[in-house]
Amino acid sequence: MQNKAAKLVTRAKARDHVQPILRELHRLPVKERICFKIAITVFKCLNGLGPQYLSELLNSYVPNRSLRSMNENLLVIPTTNLKLGKSAFSVGGPIIWNSLDSHVRKSSTMAAFKKCLNTELFKRSLNH
């Protein structure tokens, strides 16, 4: 639907490739939109804005000794034996969160986080 809507808005031909159109509209592809929504939920949980039952699934990474990653605001990624387990919020959330740049993770407000996150995910989509 997103692809058809983009072509309709730009009056592109049906056979035109949709990726340049989405870039022109500064629209994230579906995979990045999913990451965006999950990262927003993780941000809310870490800042006390999300539901308690989801916040309990996230654990901050605290190394046993002094490491550079100590102040990076990382999350512990639980181990899972099944591929299906990676789709759980308790595993997928920390994977997406830890993959973000540190300046994005350290954003202080929701508006600043959304802006930085959208920019980073858009850059990622351009590189693929």
N, C-alpha and C. Protein backbone atom coordinates (compact mmCIF):
# COMPACT_ATOMS: atom_id res chain seq x y z
N MET A 1 0.82 -1.19 0.00
CA MET A 1 0.00 0.00 0.00
C MET A 1 0.87 1.26 0.00
N GLN A 2 1.95 1.23 0.79
CA GLN A 2 2.82 2.39 0.88
C GLN A 2 3.43 2.70 -0.49
N ASN A 3 3.81 1.67 -1.22
CA ASN A 3 4.42 1.88 -2.53
C ASN A 3 3.41 2.47 -3.51
N LYS A 4 2.20 1.94 -3.51
CA LYS A 4 1.17 2.46 -4.42
C LYS A 4 0.80 3.90 -4.06
N ALA A 5 0.74 4.19 -2.78
CA ALA A 5 0.42 5.55 -2.34
C ALA A 5 1.51 6.53 -2.77
N ALA A 6 2.77 6.11 -2.66
CA ALA A 6 3.88 6.97 -3.06
C ALA A 6 3.83 7.25 -4.56
N LYS A 7 3.51 6.23 -5.34
CA LYS A 7 3.40 6.42 -6.79
C LYS A 7 2.22 7.32 -7.14
N LEU A 8 1.14 7.18 -6.41
CA LEU A 8 -0.04 8.00 -6.65
C LEU A 8 0.24 9.47 -6.34
N VAL A 9 0.90 9.72 -5.23
CA VAL A 9 1.20 11.10 -4.81
C VAL A 9 2.13 11.79 -5.80
N THR A 10 3.14 11.05 -6.28
CA THR A 10 4.11 11.64 -7.19
C THR A 10 3.71 11.51 -8.66
N ARG A 11 2.58 10.86 -8.90
CA ARG A 11 2.08 10.63 -10.26
C ARG A 11 3.10 9.87 -11.12
N ALA A 12 3.76 8.91 -10.49
CA ALA A 12 4.72 8.08 -11.20
C ALA A 12 3.99 6.98 -11.96
N LYS A 13 4.67 6.42 -12.93
CA LYS A 13 4.10 5.31 -13.70
C LYS A 13 4.12 4.04 -12.86
N ALA A 14 3.24 3.13 -13.19
CA ALA A 14 3.12 1.88 -12.44
C ALA A 14 4.40 1.05 -12.51
N ARG A 15 5.14 1.17 -13.60
CA ARG A 15 6.35 0.37 -13.77
C ARG A 15 7.60 1.03 -13.20
N ASP A 16 7.48 2.26 -12.73
CA ASP A 16 8.63 2.96 -12.14
C ASP A 16 9.04 2.28 -10.84
N HIS A 17 10.36 2.28 -10.59
CA HIS A 17 10.87 1.69 -9.35
C HIS A 17 10.48 2.58 -8.17
N VAL A 18 10.07 1.97 -7.08
CA VAL A 18 9.49 2.73 -5.97
C VAL A 18 10.55 3.31 -5.01
N GLN A 19 11.73 2.71 -4.91
CA GLN A 19 12.73 3.18 -3.95
C GLN A 19 13.12 4.64 -4.15
N PRO A 20 13.41 5.09 -5.38
CA PRO A 20 13.73 6.51 -5.55
C PRO A 20 12.56 7.43 -5.16
N ILE A 21 11.36 6.96 -5.38
CA ILE A 21 10.18 7.76 -5.03
C ILE A 21 10.07 7.88 -3.51
N LEU A 22 10.29 6.77 -2.80
CA LEU A 22 10.24 6.81 -1.33
C LEU A 22 11.34 7.70 -0.77
N ARG A 23 12.52 7.66 -1.38
CA ARG A 23 13.61 8.54 -0.94
C ARG A 23 13.24 10.00 -1.14
N GLU A 24 12.65 10.28 -2.29
CA GLU A 24 12.24 11.65 -2.60
C GLU A 24 11.21 12.16 -1.59
N LEU A 25 10.32 11.29 -1.16
CA LEU A 25 9.29 11.66 -0.19
C LEU A 25 9.81 11.61 1.26
N HIS A 26 11.08 11.21 1.42
CA HIS A 26 11.69 11.04 2.73
C HIS A 26 10.84 10.10 3.59
N ARG A 27 10.48 8.97 3.00
CA ARG A 27 9.62 7.98 3.65
C ARG A 27 10.44 6.73 3.93
N LEU A 28 10.36 6.21 5.14
CA LEU A 28 11.10 5.01 5.51
C LEU A 28 10.46 3.77 4.91
N PRO A 29 11.29 2.82 4.45
CA PRO A 29 10.75 1.53 4.01
C PRO A 29 10.12 0.79 5.19
N VAL A 30 9.36 -0.24 4.90
CA VAL A 30 8.59 -0.95 5.92
C VAL A 30 9.49 -1.50 7.03
N LYS A 31 10.62 -2.12 6.68
CA LYS A 31 11.51 -2.70 7.68
C LYS A 31 12.00 -1.63 8.66
N GLU A 32 12.38 -0.48 8.15
CA GLU A 32 12.84 0.61 9.01
C GLU A 32 11.70 1.21 9.83
N ARG A 33 10.48 1.21 9.28
CA ARG A 33 9.32 1.70 10.06
C ARG A 33 9.07 0.80 11.27
N ILE A 34 9.24 -0.50 11.08
CA ILE A 34 9.08 -1.43 12.19
C ILE A 34 10.14 -1.17 13.25
N CYS A 35 11.40 -1.00 12.82
CA CYS A 35 12.48 -0.67 13.76
C CYS A 35 12.19 0.64 14.48
N PHE A 36 11.63 1.61 13.76
CA PHE A 36 11.29 2.91 14.34
C PHE A 36 10.29 2.73 15.48
N LYS A 37 9.24 1.97 15.23
CA LYS A 37 8.20 1.76 16.25
C LYS A 37 8.75 1.02 17.47
N ILE A 38 9.58 0.01 17.24
CA ILE A 38 10.16 -0.74 18.36
C ILE A 38 11.10 0.14 19.17
N ALA A 39 11.94 0.93 18.48
CA ALA A 39 12.88 1.81 19.18
C ALA A 39 12.15 2.87 20.00
N ILE A 40 11.04 3.39 19.47
CA ILE A 40 10.23 4.36 20.22
C ILE A 40 9.68 3.71 21.49
N THR A 41 9.21 2.48 21.38
CA THR A 41 8.68 1.77 22.54
C THR A 41 9.77 1.53 23.58
N VAL A 42 10.97 1.15 23.13
CA VAL A 42 12.09 0.95 24.05
C VAL A 42 12.44 2.26 24.75
N PHE A 43 12.50 3.36 24.00
CA PHE A 43 12.80 4.67 24.59
C PHE A 43 11.77 5.02 25.67
N LYS A 44 10.51 4.79 25.36
CA LYS A 44 9.45 5.08 26.34
C LYS A 44 9.62 4.22 27.60
N CYS A 45 9.94 2.95 27.42
CA CYS A 45 10.11 2.06 28.57
C CYS A 45 11.29 2.48 29.44
N LEU A 46 12.38 2.88 28.81
CA LEU A 46 13.57 3.28 29.57
C LEU A 46 13.38 4.60 30.29
N ASN A 47 12.48 5.43 29.81
CA ASN A 47 12.25 6.74 30.42
C ASN A 47 10.96 6.81 31.23
N GLY A 48 10.39 5.66 31.56
CA GLY A 48 9.21 5.61 32.41
C GLY A 48 7.93 6.04 31.74
N LEU A 49 7.90 6.07 30.41
CA LEU A 49 6.70 6.48 29.69
C LEU A 49 5.93 5.30 29.11
N GLY A 50 6.56 4.12 29.11
CA GLY A 50 5.95 2.94 28.52
C GLY A 50 5.25 2.09 29.56
N PRO A 51 4.57 1.05 29.11
CA PRO A 51 3.88 0.15 30.04
C PRO A 51 4.87 -0.61 30.93
N GLN A 52 4.48 -0.84 32.15
CA GLN A 52 5.34 -1.49 33.14
C GLN A 52 5.72 -2.91 32.71
N TYR A 53 4.76 -3.64 32.14
CA TYR A 53 5.04 -5.03 31.75
C TYR A 53 6.11 -5.12 30.67
N LEU A 54 6.24 -4.09 29.82
CA LEU A 54 7.31 -4.08 28.82
C LEU A 54 8.62 -3.58 29.43
N SER A 55 8.53 -2.62 30.33
CA SER A 55 9.73 -2.09 30.98
C SER A 55 10.46 -3.17 31.75
N GLU A 56 9.73 -4.11 32.31
CA GLU A 56 10.33 -5.20 33.08
C GLU A 56 11.11 -6.17 32.20
N LEU A 57 10.87 -6.16 30.91
CA LEU A 57 11.57 -7.06 29.99
C LEU A 57 12.94 -6.54 29.58
N LEU A 58 13.22 -5.26 29.85
CA LEU A 58 14.47 -4.64 29.43
C LEU A 58 15.42 -4.49 30.61
N ASN A 59 16.68 -4.92 30.42
CA ASN A 59 17.70 -4.81 31.46
C ASN A 59 18.88 -4.03 30.93
N SER A 60 19.32 -3.03 31.68
CA SER A 60 20.48 -2.24 31.29
C SER A 60 21.75 -3.07 31.42
N TYR A 61 22.69 -2.84 30.50
CA TYR A 61 23.97 -3.53 30.52
C TYR A 61 24.89 -2.82 31.51
N VAL A 62 25.32 -3.54 32.53
CA VAL A 62 26.25 -3.00 33.53
C VAL A 62 27.44 -3.95 33.58
N PRO A 63 28.60 -3.55 33.02
CA PRO A 63 29.76 -4.43 33.03
C PRO A 63 30.33 -4.60 34.45
N ASN A 64 31.02 -5.71 34.67
CA ASN A 64 31.59 -6.00 35.98
C ASN A 64 32.78 -5.10 36.31
N ARG A 65 33.44 -4.61 35.29
CA ARG A 65 34.59 -3.72 35.50
C ARG A 65 34.42 -2.50 34.62
N SER A 66 35.30 -1.55 34.77
CA SER A 66 35.20 -0.30 34.02
C SER A 66 35.55 -0.52 32.55
N LEU A 67 34.58 -0.28 31.68
CA LEU A 67 34.77 -0.43 30.24
C LEU A 67 34.26 0.82 29.53
N ARG A 68 34.70 1.01 28.28
CA ARG A 68 34.22 2.16 27.51
C ARG A 68 32.72 2.09 27.26
N SER A 69 32.20 0.90 27.18
CA SER A 69 30.77 0.73 26.91
C SER A 69 29.90 1.02 28.13
N MET A 70 30.53 1.36 29.24
CA MET A 70 29.82 1.59 30.49
C MET A 70 28.79 2.72 30.38
N ASN A 71 29.11 3.78 29.66
CA ASN A 71 28.24 4.95 29.57
C ASN A 71 27.49 5.02 28.24
N GLU A 72 27.36 3.90 27.56
CA GLU A 72 26.74 3.89 26.24
C GLU A 72 25.23 3.66 26.27
N ASN A 73 24.66 3.44 27.44
CA ASN A 73 23.22 3.23 27.56
C ASN A 73 22.76 2.01 26.76
N LEU A 74 23.50 0.90 26.91
CA LEU A 74 23.19 -0.34 26.19
C LEU A 74 22.26 -1.22 27.02
N LEU A 75 21.64 -2.17 26.35
CA LEU A 75 20.74 -3.12 27.00
C LEU A 75 21.30 -4.53 26.85
N VAL A 76 20.98 -5.39 27.80
CA VAL A 76 21.37 -6.79 27.75
C VAL A 76 20.48 -7.50 26.75
N ILE A 77 21.10 -8.28 25.85
CA ILE A 77 20.34 -9.07 24.88
C ILE A 77 20.23 -10.49 25.41
N PRO A 78 19.04 -10.93 25.79
CA PRO A 78 18.88 -12.30 26.30
C PRO A 78 19.21 -13.32 25.21
N THR A 79 19.78 -14.44 25.64
CA THR A 79 20.09 -15.50 24.68
C THR A 79 18.82 -16.28 24.36
N THR A 80 18.75 -16.71 23.11
CA THR A 80 17.61 -17.51 22.67
C THR A 80 18.10 -18.57 21.70
N ASN A 81 17.53 -19.75 21.79
CA ASN A 81 17.94 -20.85 20.92
C ASN A 81 17.12 -20.91 19.64
N LEU A 82 15.97 -20.31 19.65
CA LEU A 82 15.08 -20.38 18.50
C LEU A 82 15.09 -19.08 17.71
N LYS A 83 14.93 -19.19 16.42
CA LYS A 83 14.85 -18.01 15.58
C LYS A 83 13.61 -17.19 15.92
N LEU A 84 12.56 -17.86 16.30
CA LEU A 84 11.32 -17.20 16.68
C LEU A 84 11.50 -16.32 17.91
N GLY A 85 12.43 -16.71 18.79
CA GLY A 85 12.69 -15.94 20.00
C GLY A 85 13.22 -14.55 19.73
N LYS A 86 13.87 -14.35 18.58
CA LYS A 86 14.41 -13.03 18.23
C LYS A 86 13.32 -12.02 17.90
N SER A 87 12.13 -12.51 17.63
CA SER A 87 11.03 -11.59 17.33
C SER A 87 10.34 -11.10 18.59
N ALA A 88 10.67 -11.68 19.74
CA ALA A 88 10.09 -11.23 21.01
C ALA A 88 10.64 -9.84 21.35
N PHE A 89 9.82 -9.02 21.99
CA PHE A 89 10.24 -7.66 22.34
C PHE A 89 11.45 -7.67 23.27
N SER A 90 11.52 -8.66 24.16
CA SER A 90 12.62 -8.73 25.12
C SER A 90 13.97 -8.98 24.45
N VAL A 91 13.96 -9.52 23.23
CA VAL A 91 15.19 -9.77 22.48
C VAL A 91 15.35 -8.76 21.35
N GLY A 92 14.31 -8.57 20.56
CA GLY A 92 14.38 -7.66 19.42
C GLY A 92 14.56 -6.21 19.82
N GLY A 93 13.93 -5.81 20.91
CA GLY A 93 14.06 -4.43 21.39
C GLY A 93 15.50 -4.06 21.70
N PRO A 94 16.20 -4.85 22.54
CA PRO A 94 17.60 -4.55 22.83
C PRO A 94 18.52 -4.64 21.61
N ILE A 95 18.23 -5.55 20.68
CA ILE A 95 19.06 -5.65 19.47
C ILE A 95 18.96 -4.36 18.67
N ILE A 96 17.75 -3.88 18.47
CA ILE A 96 17.55 -2.63 17.72
C ILE A 96 18.13 -1.46 18.49
N TRP A 97 17.88 -1.39 19.79
CA TRP A 97 18.37 -0.29 20.63
C TRP A 97 19.90 -0.22 20.60
N ASN A 98 20.57 -1.36 20.77
CA ASN A 98 22.04 -1.38 20.79
C ASN A 98 22.64 -1.06 19.43
N SER A 99 21.89 -1.26 18.36
CA SER A 99 22.42 -0.98 17.02
C SER A 99 22.38 0.51 16.68
N LEU A 100 21.67 1.30 17.49
CA LEU A 100 21.58 2.74 17.24
C LEU A 100 22.87 3.43 17.64
N ASP A 101 23.17 4.55 16.99
CA ASP A 101 24.32 5.36 17.39
C ASP A 101 24.13 5.87 18.81
N SER A 102 25.23 6.11 19.49
CA SER A 102 25.13 6.52 20.90
C SER A 102 24.45 7.87 21.05
N HIS A 103 24.64 8.79 20.10
CA HIS A 103 23.98 10.10 20.23
C HIS A 103 22.46 9.98 20.12
N VAL A 104 21.99 8.96 19.41
CA VAL A 104 20.55 8.73 19.31
C VAL A 104 20.03 8.16 20.63
N ARG A 105 20.75 7.17 21.17
CA ARG A 105 20.34 6.54 22.44
C ARG A 105 20.36 7.53 23.60
N LYS A 106 21.24 8.52 23.53
CA LYS A 106 21.38 9.47 24.64
C LYS A 106 20.46 10.69 24.51
N SER A 107 19.55 10.68 23.56
CA SER A 107 18.61 11.79 23.42
C SER A 107 17.79 11.94 24.70
N SER A 108 17.55 13.19 25.08
CA SER A 108 16.88 13.43 26.37
C SER A 108 15.37 13.54 26.25
N THR A 109 14.87 13.98 25.10
CA THR A 109 13.42 14.13 24.95
C THR A 109 12.90 13.23 23.84
N MET A 110 11.61 12.98 23.87
CA MET A 110 10.98 12.14 22.85
C MET A 110 11.10 12.77 21.47
N ALA A 111 10.89 14.09 21.38
CA ALA A 111 10.96 14.77 20.09
C ALA A 111 12.36 14.68 19.50
N ALA A 112 13.38 14.90 20.33
CA ALA A 112 14.77 14.82 19.86
C ALA A 112 15.11 13.40 19.44
N PHE A 113 14.63 12.42 20.22
CA PHE A 113 14.89 11.02 19.89
C PHE A 113 14.26 10.64 18.56
N LYS A 114 13.00 11.01 18.36
CA LYS A 114 12.32 10.68 17.11
C LYS A 114 13.03 11.29 15.91
N LYS A 115 13.47 12.53 16.05
CA LYS A 115 14.15 13.21 14.95
C LYS A 115 15.47 12.52 14.61
N CYS A 116 16.28 12.24 15.64
CA CYS A 116 17.57 11.56 15.41
C CYS A 116 17.36 10.15 14.87
N LEU A 117 16.38 9.45 15.42
CA LEU A 117 16.11 8.08 15.00
C LEU A 117 15.65 8.03 13.54
N ASN A 118 14.75 8.91 13.17
CA ASN A 118 14.25 8.95 11.80
C ASN A 118 15.39 9.24 10.83
N THR A 119 16.27 10.17 11.19
CA THR A 119 17.41 10.50 10.33
C THR A 119 18.35 9.31 10.19
N GLU A 120 18.65 8.63 11.30
CA GLU A 120 19.56 7.48 11.23
C GLU A 120 18.97 6.34 10.41
N LEU A 121 17.71 6.03 10.63
CA LEU A 121 17.09 4.93 9.88
C LEU A 121 16.97 5.27 8.40
N PHE A 122 16.74 6.54 8.09
CA PHE A 122 16.67 6.94 6.68
C PHE A 122 18.04 6.78 6.03
N LYS A 123 19.11 7.15 6.74
CA LYS A 123 20.46 6.97 6.20
C LYS A 123 20.76 5.50 5.98
N ARG A 124 20.33 4.65 6.92
CA ARG A 124 20.53 3.20 6.76
C ARG A 124 19.82 2.68 5.53
N SER A 125 18.60 3.16 5.31
CA SER A 125 17.84 2.67 4.16
C SER A 125 18.47 3.11 2.85
N LEU A 126 19.14 4.25 2.84
CA LEU A 126 19.82 4.71 1.63
C LEU A 126 21.05 3.87 1.33
N ASN A 127 21.69 3.35 2.37
CA ASN A 127 22.91 2.57 2.19
C ASN A 127 22.63 1.14 1.74
N HIS A 128 21.40 0.68 1.88
CA HIS A 128 21.08 -0.70 1.48
C HIS A 128 20.72 -0.80 0.05
